[in-house]
Protein backbone atom coordinates (compact mmCIF):
# COMPACT_ATOMS: atom_id res chain seq x y z
CA MET A 1 -0.28 -0.50 0.17
CA LYS A 2 1.18 3.47 -1.08
CA ILE A 3 1.94 5.65 1.74
CA ASP A 4 0.13 9.39 1.51
CA SER A 5 2.85 12.99 2.26
CA ILE A 6 1.64 16.11 3.81
CA LYS A 7 1.96 18.31 0.54
CA ILE A 8 4.00 20.91 1.96
CA ASP A 9 5.12 22.98 -1.12
CA ASP A 10 1.75 23.24 -2.26
CA ILE A 11 1.09 26.19 -0.41
CA ALA A 12 2.60 28.94 -2.07
CA PHE A 13 4.74 31.42 -0.47
CA GLY A 14 3.20 34.38 0.87
CA SER A 15 -0.66 32.60 0.98
CA SER A 16 -3.01 34.28 4.00
CA VAL A 17 -2.74 32.61 7.02
CA GLN A 18 -6.55 32.00 6.71
CA ASP A 19 -6.33 30.45 3.23
CA ILE A 20 -4.37 27.61 4.91
CA THR A 21 -6.07 24.33 5.95
CA VAL A 22 -4.39 22.20 8.10
CA PRO A 23 -4.92 18.22 7.25
CA ASP A 24 -6.90 16.33 9.97
CA VAL A 25 -3.51 13.91 10.55
CA LEU A 26 -1.58 16.92 12.43
CA LYS A 27 -4.45 18.52 14.14
CA LYS A 28 -5.38 14.64 16.72
CA ARG A 29 -2.53 14.75 19.12
CA VAL A 30 -0.99 10.69 20.28
CA LYS A 31 -0.32 10.00 24.45
CA SER A 32 1.96 8.04 25.21
CA GLY A 33 0.63 6.19 28.18
CA LEU A 34 3.10 7.24 30.33
CA GLY A 35 1.67 9.66 32.36
CA TYR A 36 4.98 11.40 33.75
CA PHE A 37 6.11 11.52 29.86
CA ASP A 38 2.89 12.89 28.64
CA ALA A 39 2.57 15.69 31.38
CA ILE A 40 6.15 17.26 30.51
CA LEU A 41 4.31 17.15 26.75
CA GLY A 42 1.95 19.44 29.14
CA GLY A 43 -0.62 16.82 29.17
CA GLU A 44 -1.71 16.36 25.53
CA GLY A 45 0.99 14.23 24.52
CA PHE A 46 2.84 13.71 21.16
CA THR A 47 2.24 16.17 18.42
CA PRO A 48 2.11 14.48 15.04
CA SER A 49 5.38 15.43 12.49
CA ALA A 50 7.45 16.78 15.67
CA VAL A 51 10.77 15.99 16.09
CA SER A 52 12.37 15.81 19.62
CA LEU A 53 15.74 15.95 21.30
CA PHE A 54 16.01 13.86 24.46
CA THR A 55 18.78 14.46 26.29
CA GLY A 56 20.06 12.87 30.14
CA THR A 57 23.07 12.52 31.78
CA PRO A 58 24.93 9.70 31.74
CA GLY A 59 23.95 6.94 33.44
CA ALA A 60 20.26 8.59 34.12
CA GLY A 61 18.42 6.53 32.63
CA LYS A 62 17.99 7.83 29.22
CA THR A 63 17.15 4.15 27.23
CA THR A 64 15.51 2.74 30.12
CA MET A 65 12.67 5.22 29.45
CA MET A 66 12.91 5.29 25.61
CA LEU A 67 12.24 1.55 25.51
CA ALA A 68 9.35 2.20 28.25
CA LEU A 69 8.22 5.25 25.82
CA ALA A 70 8.48 2.75 23.25
CA ASN A 71 6.70 -0.70 24.99
CA SER A 72 4.01 1.99 26.33
CA LEU A 73 2.90 4.05 22.49
CA GLN A 74 3.03 0.08 20.65
CA GLY A 75 0.37 -0.85 23.60
CA HIS A 76 -1.18 2.31 23.00
CA GLY A 77 -2.22 2.33 19.60
CA ALA A 78 1.33 2.92 17.84
CA GLU A 79 3.14 1.48 15.87
CA VAL A 80 7.45 1.72 17.31
CA LEU A 81 10.82 1.50 15.67
CA PHE A 82 13.65 1.75 18.46
CA ASN A 83 16.95 1.69 16.11
CA THR A 84 19.92 1.86 17.92
CA ALA A 85 23.32 2.70 17.06
CA GLU A 86 25.22 2.24 20.36
CA GLU A 87 23.93 -1.30 21.77
CA SER A 88 23.41 -4.73 20.47
CA LEU A 89 19.61 -5.49 19.33
CA TYR A 90 21.18 -8.75 21.99
CA GLN A 91 21.32 -5.77 24.50
CA VAL A 92 18.86 -4.32 23.55
CA LYS A 93 16.54 -7.40 24.28
CA MET A 94 18.04 -8.04 27.75
CA THR A 95 16.90 -5.08 28.53
CA CYS A 96 13.40 -4.83 27.46
CA ASP A 97 13.11 -8.62 29.05
CA ARG A 98 14.91 -6.84 33.06
CA LEU A 99 11.62 -4.13 32.52
CA ARG A 100 9.71 -6.55 31.26
CA ILE A 101 8.38 -5.04 28.43
CA LYS A 102 5.91 -6.98 26.27
CA ASN A 103 4.61 -4.77 23.64
CA PRO A 104 6.11 -6.33 20.42
CA PHE A 105 8.29 -2.88 19.00
CA LYS A 106 9.54 -3.01 16.00
CA VAL A 107 13.87 -2.90 16.15
CA GLY A 108 16.62 -2.06 14.62
CA GLY A 109 20.36 -1.20 14.89
CA GLU A 110 20.98 0.90 10.83
CA THR A 111 23.35 3.88 11.41
CA ARG A 112 22.99 4.96 7.69
CA VAL A 113 19.71 7.49 8.07
CA PRO A 114 18.78 6.84 4.24
CA VAL A 115 18.81 3.38 4.76
CA LEU A 116 17.09 3.87 8.08
CA LEU A 117 14.01 6.20 6.53
CA GLU A 118 13.89 3.05 3.95
CA GLY A 119 13.39 0.76 6.67
CA CYS A 120 10.22 2.79 8.37
CA ASP A 121 8.70 3.66 4.93
CA LYS A 122 8.11 -0.73 5.12
CA ILE A 123 7.45 -0.68 8.19
CA ARG A 124 4.74 2.00 7.90
CA GLU A 125 3.37 0.42 4.49
CA ALA A 126 2.40 -2.78 7.40
CA ALA A 127 0.56 -0.72 9.83
CA PRO A 128 -0.94 2.43 7.49
CA LYS A 129 -3.46 3.42 9.67
CA ARG A 130 -1.57 3.01 13.04
CA PRO A 131 0.42 6.42 14.13
CA PHE A 132 4.62 6.21 13.56
CA PHE A 133 6.66 6.67 15.91
CA LEU A 134 11.52 6.46 15.20
CA ILE A 135 13.05 6.51 18.13
CA VAL A 136 17.09 6.76 17.48
CA ASP A 137 20.01 6.23 19.74
CA SER A 138 21.79 8.07 19.16
CA LEU A 139 21.65 11.05 17.02
CA GLN A 140 25.74 11.35 17.13
CA CYS A 141 26.53 7.71 16.48
CA MET A 142 24.23 8.30 13.21
CA ASP A 143 25.32 8.96 9.40
CA ASP A 144 23.85 10.61 6.66
CA GLY A 145 24.71 8.52 3.96
CA LYS A 146 25.88 11.75 1.99
CA PHE A 147 29.73 12.35 3.20
CA ASN A 148 30.25 9.51 4.43
CA SER A 149 33.47 9.01 5.69
CA GLY A 150 34.02 6.92 8.29
CA ARG A 151 34.07 9.66 11.45
CA ILE A 152 30.78 10.96 12.50
CA THR A 153 31.40 14.41 12.95
CA THR A 154 28.63 18.05 14.24
CA ALA A 155 28.44 18.12 11.27
CA THR A 156 27.03 14.60 10.14
CA ALA A 157 24.78 15.27 13.18
CA GLU A 158 23.15 18.32 11.90
CA ARG A 159 23.01 16.51 8.59
CA ALA A 160 21.33 13.74 9.53
CA LEU A 161 19.37 15.30 11.92
CA GLY A 162 17.85 16.85 9.39
CA LEU A 163 17.25 14.20 7.04
CA LEU A 164 14.81 12.18 10.39
CA THR A 165 13.33 16.11 10.29
CA SER A 166 12.57 15.95 6.71
CA TYR A 167 10.71 12.93 6.81
CA ALA A 168 9.02 13.65 9.76
CA LYS A 169 7.29 16.70 8.24
CA GLU A 170 6.49 15.25 5.40
CA HIS A 171 4.81 12.30 6.63
CA ALA A 172 3.67 13.22 9.90
CA VAL A 173 5.17 11.13 11.99
CA ASN A 174 7.14 11.69 14.92
CA VAL A 175 10.55 11.35 15.55
CA VAL A 176 12.40 11.22 18.67
CA VAL A 177 16.03 10.94 18.76
CA ILE A 178 18.30 10.84 21.82
CA GLY A 179 21.33 13.35 22.22
CA GLN A 180 24.41 11.99 23.84
CA VAL A 181 25.27 14.82 26.74
CA THR A 182 28.95 15.43 28.13
CA LYS A 183 29.73 14.82 32.11
CA ASP A 184 29.11 18.71 32.71
CA GLY A 185 25.82 18.50 31.05
CA LYS A 186 26.89 20.26 28.29
CA MET A 187 24.93 18.74 24.40
CA ALA A 188 27.30 16.54 22.60
CA GLY A 189 28.25 18.41 19.28
CA SER A 190 26.80 22.73 18.32
CA ASN A 191 24.28 23.66 20.03
CA LYS A 192 22.38 24.01 16.57
CA LEU A 193 21.28 20.86 17.15
CA LYS A 194 18.29 21.91 19.82
CA HIS A 195 17.54 24.48 17.76
CA MET A 196 16.31 22.21 14.84
CA VAL A 197 14.28 20.34 16.25
CA ASP A 198 10.00 21.07 17.70
CA SER A 199 10.33 20.27 21.82
CA HIS A 200 13.96 19.11 23.88
CA ILE A 201 13.51 16.63 26.92
CA HIS A 202 16.48 16.71 29.21
CA LEU A 203 16.61 13.39 31.95
CA SER A 204 19.07 14.45 34.82
CA VAL A 205 20.13 13.16 38.53
CA GLU A 206 18.72 15.27 41.37
CA GLN A 207 21.59 16.04 43.74
CA LYS A 208 20.85 19.04 45.76
CA ASP A 209 17.62 18.20 47.36
CA GLN A 210 17.56 16.37 50.19
CA ASP A 211 14.88 14.41 50.32
CA LEU A 212 15.31 14.30 46.09
CA LYS A 213 18.80 12.75 45.90
CA GLY A 214 19.28 10.73 43.83
CA CYS A 215 15.67 10.99 42.09
CA ARG A 216 15.71 11.21 38.37
CA VAL A 217 14.72 14.73 36.72
CA LEU A 218 12.19 14.78 34.36
CA GLU A 219 12.00 18.21 32.22
CA THR A 220 10.61 20.16 29.52
CA GLN A 221 12.99 22.43 28.30
CA LYS A 222 11.16 23.78 25.05
CA ASN A 223 8.07 22.23 23.98
CA ARG A 224 6.84 24.63 20.58
CA PHE A 225 3.09 22.73 21.31
CA GLY A 226 2.49 23.03 24.68
CA GLY A 227 5.42 24.84 26.84
CA ALA A 228 8.36 24.44 28.69
CA GLY A 229 9.29 24.14 32.07
CA HIS A 230 7.31 21.23 33.74
CA ILE A 231 8.79 18.55 35.86
CA VAL A 232 8.62 15.04 36.77
CA PHE A 233 10.52 13.59 39.65
CA LEU A 234 11.18 9.84 38.69
CA ASP A 235 12.51 7.31 41.03
CA LEU A 236 14.29 4.44 38.26
CA ARG A 237 13.83 1.15 39.56
CA ARG A 238 15.34 -2.88 38.50
CA ASN A 239 12.02 -3.25 36.15
CA GLY A 240 12.07 1.22 35.35
CA PHE A 241 10.77 4.16 36.99
CA LYS A 242 7.63 5.31 39.13
CA GLU A 243 6.47 8.80 40.05
CA VAL A 244 7.23 10.90 42.91
CA ALA A 245 6.62 14.21 42.16
CA ARG A 246 5.09 16.80 39.43
CA ILE A 247 5.68 20.58 39.22
CA SER A 248 3.58 22.27 36.22
CA ALA A 249 4.64 25.33 34.33
CA SER A 250 2.18 27.81 35.04
């Protein structure tokens, strides 16, 4: 079955904003089913075509949370591909077993973005009526496939993110990319990556508040579709995350 695209180029430059009709597919939010994750997105879930950057300090539990997200989305009617360029698929499977993940989301280990997107097309064609989510772990390990020198650079990550963003906008699908962060909490690579995405969600470990010390802090640092500043405190256990407290942006 042929999968449709959104014809963005059909809107002429200089058109009146009042003459633009937003496709229905872009109006329906998709909730993840994880209360804490939907909360930091403003309570309404994901906006179709949105690209989200998910960062976290080393050891905070980024991959664990993204696997939990993939599992919940799949269980709530979405079709999900979790693509890892950092771990083997055996490692992913062992983590899923530890987290007691039961829903059959798809997995892949492709590092070349053009090949990855071809694989996404095939998965979408097999389930055309289900919202599609691509989760990439991690952006800094992806190759744009055009200037492949065998060495991943900041420029390569920017081009890879550009391809992923174009795909999300054209097909009204959601892309979540994990971004690597240095030990001092800074984004690995160019800050341009943060400006290219629709939302930026960060996971860290609380160090200051004695009552919450050691808890994971999930925070929306940017959100074009729901406002930033939402914070959730989580306890990381062997089988996943449990919400401890929540602070909503006013």
